[in-house]
């Protein structure tokens, strides 16, 4: 069974996601910036958009222009 964690992100307060490889990150509200170790480019997600975290390395997420809420769903 998948596990879901909801996070509240603040602008200028990056958060490191440990063990996020294979999880899906879905933006519930706001805009989120995501960077993954070894990825060619960073990603921005708006509310309703999602992205599968492909790498097992360092993942950093941060809200852009105010607060954002994301849901991290790990496959079961």
C-alpha atoms as a PDB file:
ATOM      1  CA  UNK A   1       0.000   0.000   0.000  1.00  0.00           C
ATOM      2  CA  UNK A   2       1.421   3.426  -0.929  1.00  0.00           C
ATOM      3  CA  UNK A   3       2.276   5.908   1.815  1.00  0.00           C
ATOM      4  CA  UNK A   4       1.480   9.600   1.440  1.00  0.00           C
ATOM      5  CA  UNK A   5       3.091  12.482   3.258  1.00  0.00           C
ATOM      6  CA  UNK A   6       1.943  16.064   2.903  1.00  0.00           C
ATOM      7  CA  UNK A   7       4.484  18.856   3.360  1.00  0.00           C
ATOM      8  CA  UNK A   8       4.040  22.601   3.709  1.00  0.00           C
ATOM      9  CA  UNK A   9       6.884  24.474   2.025  1.00  0.00           C
ATOM     10  CA  UNK A  10       7.915  28.072   2.591  1.00  0.00           C
ATOM     11  CA  UNK A  11       9.664  30.418   0.181  1.00  0.00           C
ATOM     12  CA  UNK A  12      13.431  30.726   0.841  1.00  0.00           C
ATOM     13  CA  UNK A  13      13.365  27.611   3.080  1.00  0.00           C
ATOM     14  CA  UNK A  14      14.515  24.672   0.955  1.00  0.00           C
ATOM     15  CA  UNK A  15      13.791  21.163   2.221  1.00  0.00           C
ATOM     16  CA  UNK A  16      15.847  18.057   1.527  1.00  0.00           C
ATOM     17  CA  UNK A  17      13.907  14.884   0.752  1.00  0.00           C
ATOM     18  CA  UNK A  18      15.754  11.766   1.861  1.00  0.00           C
ATOM     19  CA  UNK A  19      14.849   8.414   0.332  1.00  0.00           C
ATOM     20  CA  UNK A  20      12.515   9.978  -2.235  1.00  0.00           C
ATOM     21  CA  UNK A  21      13.723   7.941  -5.243  1.00  0.00           C
ATOM     22  CA  UNK A  22      10.746   6.365  -6.996  1.00  0.00           C
ATOM     23  CA  UNK A  23       8.193   8.530  -5.177  1.00  0.00           C
ATOM     24  CA  UNK A  24       5.737  10.841  -6.902  1.00  0.00           C
ATOM     25  CA  UNK A  25       5.750  14.486  -5.821  1.00  0.00           C
ATOM     26  CA  UNK A  26       2.393  16.199  -6.448  1.00  0.00           C
ATOM     27  CA  UNK A  27       1.872  19.934  -5.965  1.00  0.00           C
ATOM     28  CA  UNK A  28      -1.359  20.508  -4.073  1.00  0.00           C
ATOM     29  CA  UNK A  29      -1.107  24.325  -4.001  1.00  0.00           C
ATOM     30  CA  UNK A  30       1.369  27.003  -4.987  1.00  0.00           C
ATOM     31  CA  UNK A  31       4.496  26.669  -7.122  1.00  0.00           C
ATOM     32  CA  UNK A  32       7.396  24.365  -6.260  1.00  0.00           C
ATOM     33  CA  UNK A  33      11.014  24.265  -7.450  1.00  0.00           C
ATOM     34  CA  UNK A  34      12.674  20.822  -7.500  1.00  0.00           C
ATOM     35  CA  UNK A  35      16.287  19.914  -8.113  1.00  0.00           C
ATOM     36  CA  UNK A  36      17.719  16.387  -8.124  1.00  0.00           C
ATOM     37  CA  UNK A  37      21.380  15.421  -7.905  1.00  0.00           C
ATOM     38  CA  UNK A  38      22.585  14.443 -11.374  1.00  0.00           C
ATOM     39  CA  UNK A  39      19.540  15.834 -13.222  1.00  0.00           C
ATOM     40  CA  UNK A  40      20.273  17.981 -16.258  1.00  0.00           C
ATOM     41  CA  UNK A  41      17.813  20.696 -15.247  1.00  0.00           C
ATOM     42  CA  UNK A  42      15.612  21.907 -12.410  1.00  0.00           C
ATOM     43  CA  UNK A  43      11.822  21.602 -12.538  1.00  0.00           C
ATOM     44  CA  UNK A  44       9.010  23.950 -11.541  1.00  0.00           C
ATOM     45  CA  UNK A  45       5.570  22.504 -10.761  1.00  0.00           C
ATOM     46  CA  UNK A  46       2.301  24.404 -10.358  1.00  0.00           C
ATOM     47  CA  UNK A  47      -0.738  23.233  -8.393  1.00  0.00           C
ATOM     48  CA  UNK A  48      -2.108  19.992  -9.847  1.00  0.00           C
ATOM     49  CA  UNK A  49       1.171  18.978 -11.517  1.00  0.00           C
ATOM     50  CA  UNK A  50       3.345  16.067 -10.434  1.00  0.00           C
ATOM     51  CA  UNK A  51       6.700  14.475 -11.100  1.00  0.00           C
ATOM     52  CA  UNK A  52       8.240  11.104 -10.395  1.00  0.00           C
ATOM     53  CA  UNK A  53      11.536  11.408  -8.500  1.00  0.00           C
ATOM     54  CA  UNK A  54      13.873   9.327 -10.656  1.00  0.00           C
ATOM     55  CA  UNK A  55      17.125   9.442  -8.737  1.00  0.00           C
ATOM     56  CA  UNK A  56      18.043   8.126  -5.324  1.00  0.00           C
ATOM     57  CA  UNK A  57      20.418  11.008  -4.570  1.00  0.00           C
ATOM     58  CA  UNK A  58      19.762  14.380  -3.009  1.00  0.00           C
ATOM     59  CA  UNK A  59      16.410  16.033  -3.804  1.00  0.00           C
ATOM     60  CA  UNK A  60      15.726  19.628  -2.769  1.00  0.00           C
ATOM     61  CA  UNK A  61      12.293  21.285  -2.945  1.00  0.00           C
ATOM     62  CA  UNK A  62      11.267  24.856  -2.196  1.00  0.00           C
ATOM     63  CA  UNK A  63       8.157  27.000  -2.542  1.00  0.00           C
ATOM     64  CA  UNK A  64       8.315  29.838  -5.061  1.00  0.00           C
ATOM     65  CA  UNK A  65       6.402  33.096  -4.429  1.00  0.00           C
ATOM     66  CA  UNK A  66       4.834  32.204  -1.090  1.00  0.00           C
ATOM     67  CA  UNK A  67       3.698  28.996   0.577  1.00  0.00           C
ATOM     68  CA  UNK A  68       3.167  25.714  -1.279  1.00  0.00           C
ATOM     69  CA  UNK A  69       1.798  22.317  -0.287  1.00  0.00           C
ATOM     70  CA  UNK A  70       3.025  19.080  -1.789  1.00  0.00           C
ATOM     71  CA  UNK A  71       2.175  15.427  -1.373  1.00  0.00           C
ATOM     72  CA  UNK A  72       4.899  12.797  -1.560  1.00  0.00           C
ATOM     73  CA  UNK A  73       3.549   9.357  -2.449  1.00  0.00           C
ATOM     74  CA  UNK A  74       5.904   6.397  -2.023  1.00  0.00           C
ATOM     75  CA  UNK A  75       4.869   3.267  -3.948  1.00  0.00           C
ATOM     76  CA  UNK A  76       3.876   0.335  -1.738  1.00  0.00           C
END
